[in-house]
Amino acid sequence: MPFIATTAPGSESDITNDFWPDISPSDARNVIRIEADVTTARLNYLLQVAMTDVNDELASFTTAQQNAGISSANDLTASQRIRYKQAIYAHTTAALLEMYQDYDATGQRGDGKNPVNDQVDSQRRQVALAIRAITGKARSCVELI
């Protein structure tokens, strides 16, 4: 019996919501390069959290689109559907990186550097950029000195 929980390919069902495109955990595994040691339950949970957070960010945009007669993801532009998946996958990647940052198979911890935080920040930035692209807002970069 293996120590690591594994998931059989194709055993995961899509996660659906009312307006935005469905998210396939199998597709997420391939795109994000999630190994089989991340259980289906954990992946589904993180994808659902990502969808909830992104949908909350897009709530007013979604309402405006529905008021304009757009009733489903099929009526959105291809770019908007792709950016939605980008936001979900980046959010999920950031959550996975945060969840597993205390795991170190090399035994070389405690050097004061944490490159995982840079990766998490990068993924969170991708979420924000994807949401801005969906809503048509300009990108901006502001740094306080």
N, C-alpha and C. Protein backbone atom coordinates (compact mmCIF):
# COMPACT_ATOMS: atom_id res chain seq x y z
N MET A 1 0.85 -1.18 0.00
CA MET A 1 0.00 0.00 0.00
C MET A 1 0.89 1.23 0.00
N PRO A 2 0.68 2.18 -0.96
CA PRO A 2 1.55 3.35 -1.05
C PRO A 2 1.31 4.31 0.11
N PHE A 3 2.36 5.01 0.48
CA PHE A 3 2.29 5.99 1.55
C PHE A 3 1.58 7.26 1.08
N ILE A 4 1.80 7.64 -0.17
CA ILE A 4 1.24 8.88 -0.71
C ILE A 4 -0.10 8.59 -1.35
N ALA A 5 -1.08 9.42 -1.01
CA ALA A 5 -2.40 9.28 -1.63
C ALA A 5 -2.29 9.69 -3.08
N THR A 6 -2.83 8.88 -3.96
CA THR A 6 -2.76 9.19 -5.39
C THR A 6 -4.16 9.28 -5.97
N THR A 7 -4.24 9.89 -7.13
CA THR A 7 -5.51 10.08 -7.80
C THR A 7 -5.44 9.46 -9.18
N ALA A 8 -6.40 8.66 -9.52
CA ALA A 8 -6.44 8.07 -10.85
C ALA A 8 -6.82 9.14 -11.87
N PRO A 9 -6.08 9.24 -12.98
CA PRO A 9 -6.40 10.22 -14.00
C PRO A 9 -7.83 10.02 -14.51
N GLY A 10 -8.54 11.10 -14.72
CA GLY A 10 -9.89 11.04 -15.24
C GLY A 10 -10.96 10.77 -14.19
N SER A 11 -10.58 10.63 -12.93
CA SER A 11 -11.57 10.33 -11.89
C SER A 11 -12.16 11.60 -11.29
N GLU A 12 -11.78 12.74 -11.79
CA GLU A 12 -12.22 14.01 -11.22
C GLU A 12 -13.30 14.63 -12.11
N SER A 13 -14.36 15.14 -11.50
CA SER A 13 -15.42 15.77 -12.27
C SER A 13 -15.25 17.29 -12.24
N ASP A 14 -15.77 17.94 -13.28
CA ASP A 14 -15.65 19.39 -13.39
C ASP A 14 -16.38 20.09 -12.26
N ILE A 15 -15.85 21.27 -11.91
CA ILE A 15 -16.48 22.12 -10.91
C ILE A 15 -17.23 23.20 -11.68
N THR A 16 -18.50 23.32 -11.42
CA THR A 16 -19.33 24.23 -12.20
C THR A 16 -19.79 25.41 -11.35
N ASN A 17 -20.12 26.48 -12.05
CA ASN A 17 -20.76 27.62 -11.40
C ASN A 17 -21.75 28.22 -12.38
N ASP A 18 -22.52 29.19 -11.95
CA ASP A 18 -23.65 29.67 -12.74
C ASP A 18 -23.27 30.44 -14.00
N PHE A 19 -22.23 31.25 -13.94
CA PHE A 19 -21.95 32.16 -15.05
C PHE A 19 -20.63 31.87 -15.75
N TRP A 20 -19.60 31.65 -14.99
CA TRP A 20 -18.25 31.52 -15.54
C TRP A 20 -17.98 30.10 -16.02
N PRO A 21 -16.91 29.91 -16.80
CA PRO A 21 -16.62 28.57 -17.34
C PRO A 21 -16.40 27.54 -16.23
N ASP A 22 -16.76 26.30 -16.55
CA ASP A 22 -16.49 25.19 -15.63
C ASP A 22 -14.98 24.99 -15.54
N ILE A 23 -14.55 24.48 -14.40
CA ILE A 23 -13.13 24.22 -14.18
C ILE A 23 -12.93 22.72 -14.04
N SER A 24 -12.03 22.19 -14.82
CA SER A 24 -11.74 20.77 -14.80
C SER A 24 -10.51 20.51 -13.92
N PRO A 25 -10.66 19.76 -12.84
CA PRO A 25 -9.49 19.43 -12.01
C PRO A 25 -8.40 18.71 -12.81
N SER A 26 -8.80 17.87 -13.76
CA SER A 26 -7.81 17.18 -14.59
C SER A 26 -7.02 18.18 -15.43
N ASP A 27 -7.72 19.15 -16.00
CA ASP A 27 -7.04 20.19 -16.77
C ASP A 27 -6.13 21.01 -15.86
N ALA A 28 -6.62 21.32 -14.66
CA ALA A 28 -5.80 22.07 -13.70
C ALA A 28 -4.53 21.31 -13.37
N ARG A 29 -4.65 20.01 -13.15
CA ARG A 29 -3.46 19.18 -12.86
C ARG A 29 -2.43 19.29 -13.99
N ASN A 30 -2.90 19.27 -15.23
CA ASN A 30 -1.99 19.34 -16.37
C ASN A 30 -1.38 20.73 -16.55
N VAL A 31 -2.21 21.75 -16.45
CA VAL A 31 -1.74 23.12 -16.69
C VAL A 31 -0.81 23.59 -15.57
N ILE A 32 -1.19 23.34 -14.33
CA ILE A 32 -0.40 23.81 -13.18
C ILE A 32 0.72 22.83 -12.84
N ARG A 33 0.68 21.66 -13.42
CA ARG A 33 1.64 20.59 -13.13
C ARG A 33 1.51 20.12 -11.68
N ILE A 34 0.30 19.78 -11.31
CA ILE A 34 0.04 19.26 -9.97
C ILE A 34 0.24 17.76 -10.01
N GLU A 35 1.08 17.28 -9.13
CA GLU A 35 1.36 15.85 -9.08
C GLU A 35 0.20 15.09 -8.44
N ALA A 36 0.20 13.79 -8.61
CA ALA A 36 -0.88 12.94 -8.11
C ALA A 36 -0.90 12.85 -6.59
N ASP A 37 0.19 13.31 -5.91
CA ASP A 37 0.17 13.25 -4.45
C ASP A 37 -0.73 14.31 -3.83
N VAL A 38 -1.19 15.27 -4.63
CA VAL A 38 -2.22 16.21 -4.18
C VAL A 38 -3.55 15.52 -4.43
N THR A 39 -4.24 15.19 -3.37
CA THR A 39 -5.47 14.40 -3.49
C THR A 39 -6.56 15.16 -4.24
N THR A 40 -7.49 14.41 -4.77
CA THR A 40 -8.63 15.00 -5.48
C THR A 40 -9.41 15.92 -4.54
N ALA A 41 -9.63 15.48 -3.32
CA ALA A 41 -10.38 16.30 -2.36
C ALA A 41 -9.68 17.63 -2.11
N ARG A 42 -8.36 17.59 -1.92
CA ARG A 42 -7.61 18.81 -1.66
C ARG A 42 -7.63 19.73 -2.88
N LEU A 43 -7.42 19.17 -4.06
CA LEU A 43 -7.43 19.98 -5.28
C LEU A 43 -8.81 20.60 -5.50
N ASN A 44 -9.87 19.80 -5.35
CA ASN A 44 -11.22 20.33 -5.53
C ASN A 44 -11.50 21.46 -4.55
N TYR A 45 -11.09 21.28 -3.31
CA TYR A 45 -11.29 22.32 -2.30
C TYR A 45 -10.58 23.61 -2.71
N LEU A 46 -9.31 23.50 -3.10
CA LEU A 46 -8.54 24.70 -3.47
C LEU A 46 -9.10 25.36 -4.73
N LEU A 47 -9.57 24.57 -5.68
CA LEU A 47 -10.20 25.15 -6.87
C LEU A 47 -11.50 25.86 -6.51
N GLN A 48 -12.29 25.27 -5.59
CA GLN A 48 -13.53 25.92 -5.17
C GLN A 48 -13.26 27.21 -4.42
N VAL A 49 -12.24 27.23 -3.58
CA VAL A 49 -11.87 28.46 -2.88
C VAL A 49 -11.44 29.52 -3.89
N ALA A 50 -10.63 29.10 -4.87
CA ALA A 50 -10.19 30.04 -5.90
C ALA A 50 -11.37 30.60 -6.68
N MET A 51 -12.30 29.72 -7.05
CA MET A 51 -13.48 30.18 -7.79
C MET A 51 -14.30 31.14 -6.96
N THR A 52 -14.46 30.86 -5.68
CA THR A 52 -15.23 31.74 -4.80
C THR A 52 -14.56 33.11 -4.71
N ASP A 53 -13.25 33.13 -4.50
CA ASP A 53 -12.54 34.40 -4.37
C ASP A 53 -12.58 35.20 -5.67
N VAL A 54 -12.31 34.53 -6.79
CA VAL A 54 -12.31 35.23 -8.08
C VAL A 54 -13.72 35.69 -8.42
N ASN A 55 -14.72 34.84 -8.20
CA ASN A 55 -16.10 35.24 -8.48
C ASN A 55 -16.53 36.42 -7.62
N ASP A 56 -16.07 36.47 -6.36
CA ASP A 56 -16.35 37.62 -5.50
C ASP A 56 -15.74 38.89 -6.09
N GLU A 57 -14.52 38.78 -6.58
CA GLU A 57 -13.85 39.93 -7.20
C GLU A 57 -14.59 40.39 -8.46
N LEU A 58 -15.19 39.44 -9.15
CA LEU A 58 -15.86 39.75 -10.42
C LEU A 58 -17.38 39.93 -10.27
N ALA A 59 -17.87 40.01 -9.05
CA ALA A 59 -19.32 40.05 -8.81
C ALA A 59 -20.00 41.22 -9.52
N SER A 60 -19.48 42.42 -9.38
CA SER A 60 -20.14 43.56 -10.03
C SER A 60 -20.02 43.48 -11.55
N PHE A 61 -18.89 43.00 -12.05
CA PHE A 61 -18.72 42.81 -13.49
C PHE A 61 -19.71 41.77 -14.00
N THR A 62 -19.87 40.67 -13.26
CA THR A 62 -20.79 39.61 -13.66
C THR A 62 -22.22 40.14 -13.71
N THR A 63 -22.61 40.90 -12.70
CA THR A 63 -23.95 41.48 -12.66
C THR A 63 -24.17 42.41 -13.85
N ALA A 64 -23.18 43.23 -14.15
CA ALA A 64 -23.29 44.14 -15.30
C ALA A 64 -23.43 43.37 -16.61
N GLN A 65 -22.69 42.29 -16.74
CA GLN A 65 -22.77 41.47 -17.95
C GLN A 65 -24.14 40.81 -18.07
N GLN A 66 -24.66 40.31 -16.97
CA GLN A 66 -25.98 39.67 -16.99
C GLN A 66 -27.06 40.69 -17.29
N ASN A 67 -26.92 41.90 -16.78
CA ASN A 67 -27.89 42.96 -17.07
C ASN A 67 -27.82 43.37 -18.54
N ALA A 68 -26.67 43.16 -19.17
CA ALA A 68 -26.50 43.50 -20.58
C ALA A 68 -26.95 42.35 -21.48
N GLY A 69 -27.44 41.26 -20.90
CA GLY A 69 -27.97 40.16 -21.70
C GLY A 69 -27.02 38.99 -21.89
N ILE A 70 -25.86 39.05 -21.29
CA ILE A 70 -24.92 37.93 -21.38
C ILE A 70 -25.28 36.96 -20.26
N SER A 71 -25.70 35.76 -20.64
CA SER A 71 -26.24 34.85 -19.65
C SER A 71 -25.30 33.72 -19.24
N SER A 72 -24.24 33.50 -20.01
CA SER A 72 -23.34 32.39 -19.66
C SER A 72 -21.94 32.67 -20.20
N ALA A 73 -21.04 31.81 -19.82
CA ALA A 73 -19.64 31.93 -20.25
C ALA A 73 -19.52 31.82 -21.77
N ASN A 74 -20.45 31.12 -22.40
CA ASN A 74 -20.41 30.98 -23.86
C ASN A 74 -20.56 32.32 -24.56
N ASP A 75 -21.19 33.28 -23.88
CA ASP A 75 -21.40 34.60 -24.47
C ASP A 75 -20.23 35.55 -24.22
N LEU A 76 -19.27 35.14 -23.41
CA LEU A 76 -18.09 35.96 -23.14
C LEU A 76 -17.09 35.81 -24.28
N THR A 77 -16.13 36.71 -24.33
CA THR A 77 -15.08 36.58 -25.33
C THR A 77 -14.15 35.43 -24.94
N ALA A 78 -13.45 34.90 -25.92
CA ALA A 78 -12.49 33.82 -25.65
C ALA A 78 -11.43 34.31 -24.67
N SER A 79 -11.02 35.55 -24.82
CA SER A 79 -10.01 36.12 -23.92
C SER A 79 -10.49 36.13 -22.47
N GLN A 80 -11.74 36.50 -22.27
CA GLN A 80 -12.30 36.53 -20.91
C GLN A 80 -12.36 35.13 -20.31
N ARG A 81 -12.74 34.14 -21.11
CA ARG A 81 -12.79 32.76 -20.60
C ARG A 81 -11.39 32.26 -20.25
N ILE A 82 -10.42 32.58 -21.08
CA ILE A 82 -9.03 32.15 -20.82
C ILE A 82 -8.50 32.85 -19.58
N ARG A 83 -8.74 34.14 -19.46
CA ARG A 83 -8.26 34.89 -18.29
C ARG A 83 -8.92 34.41 -17.00
N TYR A 84 -10.17 33.98 -17.09
CA TYR A 84 -10.83 33.44 -15.90
C TYR A 84 -10.10 32.19 -15.43
N LYS A 85 -9.79 31.30 -16.34
CA LYS A 85 -9.05 30.10 -15.97
C LYS A 85 -7.66 30.46 -15.44
N GLN A 86 -7.03 31.45 -16.06
CA GLN A 86 -5.72 31.90 -15.57
C GLN A 86 -5.83 32.35 -14.12
N ALA A 87 -6.85 33.12 -13.80
CA ALA A 87 -7.03 33.60 -12.42
C ALA A 87 -7.25 32.43 -11.46
N ILE A 88 -8.06 31.47 -11.85
CA ILE A 88 -8.35 30.32 -10.99
C ILE A 88 -7.09 29.49 -10.79
N TYR A 89 -6.37 29.21 -11.86
CA TYR A 89 -5.18 28.38 -11.76
C TYR A 89 -4.07 29.07 -10.97
N ALA A 90 -3.89 30.37 -11.17
CA ALA A 90 -2.86 31.10 -10.42
C ALA A 90 -3.22 31.15 -8.94
N HIS A 91 -4.47 31.36 -8.63
CA HIS A 91 -4.92 31.38 -7.23
C HIS A 91 -4.67 30.02 -6.59
N THR A 92 -5.00 28.96 -7.30
CA THR A 92 -4.81 27.60 -6.78
C THR A 92 -3.32 27.31 -6.59
N THR A 93 -2.50 27.73 -7.55
CA THR A 93 -1.05 27.52 -7.43
C THR A 93 -0.50 28.23 -6.21
N ALA A 94 -0.92 29.46 -5.99
CA ALA A 94 -0.46 30.22 -4.82
C ALA A 94 -0.86 29.50 -3.53
N ALA A 95 -2.09 29.01 -3.49
CA ALA A 95 -2.56 28.30 -2.29
C ALA A 95 -1.76 27.01 -2.06
N LEU A 96 -1.47 26.29 -3.13
CA LEU A 96 -0.66 25.07 -2.99
C LEU A 96 0.75 25.38 -2.52
N LEU A 97 1.34 26.44 -3.07
CA LEU A 97 2.69 26.83 -2.65
C LEU A 97 2.71 27.20 -1.17
N GLU A 98 1.69 27.93 -0.74
CA GLU A 98 1.62 28.30 0.68
C GLU A 98 1.40 27.07 1.55
N MET A 99 0.58 26.16 1.08
CA MET A 99 0.26 24.97 1.86
C MET A 99 1.48 24.06 2.06
N TYR A 100 2.32 23.98 1.05
CA TYR A 100 3.44 23.05 1.10
C TYR A 100 4.79 23.73 1.34
N GLN A 101 4.81 24.99 1.72
CA GLN A 101 6.09 25.68 1.88
C GLN A 101 6.91 25.18 3.05
N ASP A 102 6.29 24.50 3.99
CA ASP A 102 7.06 23.98 5.12
C ASP A 102 7.63 22.59 4.83
N TYR A 103 7.34 22.06 3.64
CA TYR A 103 7.86 20.76 3.26
C TYR A 103 9.21 20.93 2.57
N ASP A 104 10.22 20.23 3.05
CA ASP A 104 11.55 20.34 2.45
C ASP A 104 12.20 18.96 2.42
N ALA A 105 12.29 18.40 1.24
CA ALA A 105 12.86 17.06 1.11
C ALA A 105 14.38 17.07 1.14
N THR A 106 15.00 18.25 1.03
CA THR A 106 16.46 18.33 0.97
C THR A 106 17.10 18.45 2.35
N GLY A 107 16.32 18.89 3.34
CA GLY A 107 16.88 19.07 4.68
C GLY A 107 17.70 20.33 4.82
N GLN A 108 17.56 21.27 3.87
CA GLN A 108 18.36 22.50 3.90
C GLN A 108 17.46 23.69 4.18
N ARG A 109 16.86 23.70 5.35
CA ARG A 109 15.97 24.80 5.72
C ARG A 109 16.70 25.76 6.65
N GLY A 110 16.11 26.90 6.84
CA GLY A 110 16.61 27.83 7.83
C GLY A 110 17.71 28.75 7.35
N ASP A 111 17.84 28.94 6.02
CA ASP A 111 18.88 29.83 5.52
C ASP A 111 18.42 31.29 5.45
N GLY A 112 17.20 31.55 5.92
CA GLY A 112 16.69 32.92 5.95
C GLY A 112 16.03 33.36 4.66
N LYS A 113 16.18 32.59 3.60
CA LYS A 113 15.57 32.92 2.32
C LYS A 113 14.34 32.06 2.12
N ASN A 114 13.33 32.64 1.54
CA ASN A 114 12.13 31.88 1.27
C ASN A 114 11.66 32.18 -0.15
N PRO A 115 12.22 31.47 -1.15
CA PRO A 115 11.84 31.73 -2.53
C PRO A 115 10.38 31.40 -2.82
N VAL A 116 9.76 30.61 -1.97
CA VAL A 116 8.35 30.28 -2.17
C VAL A 116 7.50 31.53 -2.08
N ASN A 117 7.83 32.43 -1.17
CA ASN A 117 7.06 33.67 -1.03
C ASN A 117 7.08 34.49 -2.31
N ASP A 118 8.22 34.50 -3.01
CA ASP A 118 8.30 35.20 -4.29
C ASP A 118 7.38 34.55 -5.32
N GLN A 119 7.34 33.24 -5.32
CA GLN A 119 6.46 32.52 -6.25
C GLN A 119 5.00 32.78 -5.91
N VAL A 120 4.67 32.79 -4.63
CA VAL A 120 3.29 33.06 -4.21
C VAL A 120 2.89 34.48 -4.64
N ASP A 121 3.77 35.44 -4.40
CA ASP A 121 3.49 36.82 -4.82
C ASP A 121 3.28 36.92 -6.32
N SER A 122 4.09 36.20 -7.07
CA SER A 122 3.97 36.20 -8.53
C SER A 122 2.62 35.63 -8.96
N GLN A 123 2.19 34.55 -8.33
CA GLN A 123 0.91 33.95 -8.68
C GLN A 123 -0.26 34.87 -8.29
N ARG A 124 -0.17 35.51 -7.14
CA ARG A 124 -1.21 36.46 -6.73
C ARG A 124 -1.28 37.64 -7.71
N ARG A 125 -0.14 38.06 -8.19
CA ARG A 125 -0.09 39.14 -9.19
C ARG A 125 -0.79 38.68 -10.48
N GLN A 126 -0.58 37.42 -10.87
CA GLN A 126 -1.24 36.89 -12.06
C GLN A 126 -2.76 36.88 -11.90
N VAL A 127 -3.23 36.59 -10.70
CA VAL A 127 -4.67 36.63 -10.44
C VAL A 127 -5.19 38.04 -10.67
N ALA A 128 -4.52 39.01 -10.08
CA ALA A 128 -4.96 40.41 -10.21
C ALA A 128 -4.92 40.88 -11.66
N LEU A 129 -3.87 40.51 -12.39
CA LEU A 129 -3.76 40.92 -13.80
C LEU A 129 -4.85 40.26 -14.65
N ALA A 130 -5.15 39.00 -14.37
CA ALA A 130 -6.20 38.32 -15.13
C ALA A 130 -7.56 38.96 -14.87
N ILE A 131 -7.84 39.30 -13.62
CA ILE A 131 -9.12 39.94 -13.29
C ILE A 131 -9.21 41.31 -13.96
N ARG A 132 -8.12 42.05 -13.97
CA ARG A 132 -8.12 43.35 -14.64
C ARG A 132 -8.35 43.19 -16.14
N ALA A 133 -7.76 42.15 -16.72
CA ALA A 133 -7.95 41.91 -18.16
C ALA A 133 -9.41 41.55 -18.46
N ILE A 134 -10.02 40.76 -17.61
CA ILE A 134 -11.43 40.38 -17.81
C ILE A 134 -12.32 41.61 -17.77
N THR A 135 -12.09 42.47 -16.79
CA THR A 135 -12.96 43.64 -16.60
C THR A 135 -12.60 44.81 -17.51
N GLY A 136 -11.49 44.69 -18.23
CA GLY A 136 -11.09 45.76 -19.16
C GLY A 136 -10.41 46.92 -18.48
N LYS A 137 -9.98 46.75 -17.24
CA LYS A 137 -9.28 47.81 -16.53
C LYS A 137 -7.81 47.80 -16.91
N ALA A 138 -7.23 48.98 -16.93
CA ALA A 138 -5.82 49.09 -17.27
C ALA A 138 -4.95 48.52 -16.16
N ARG A 139 -3.80 48.03 -16.56
CA ARG A 139 -2.82 47.56 -15.57
C ARG A 139 -2.04 48.76 -15.07
N SER A 140 -1.71 48.72 -13.80
CA SER A 140 -0.87 49.77 -13.28
C SER A 140 0.04 49.18 -12.23
N CYS A 141 1.20 49.80 -12.10
CA CYS A 141 2.18 49.33 -11.12
C CYS A 141 2.61 50.53 -10.31
N VAL A 142 2.32 50.50 -9.03
CA VAL A 142 2.66 51.61 -8.17
C VAL A 142 3.54 51.08 -7.05
N GLU A 143 4.66 51.76 -6.84
CA GLU A 143 5.56 51.34 -5.78
C GLU A 143 5.83 52.52 -4.87
N LEU A 144 5.66 52.32 -3.59
CA LEU A 144 5.96 53.36 -2.63
C LEU A 144 7.44 53.33 -2.30
N ILE A 145 8.00 54.49 -2.20
CA ILE A 145 9.43 54.57 -1.87
C ILE A 145 9.58 54.84 -0.40
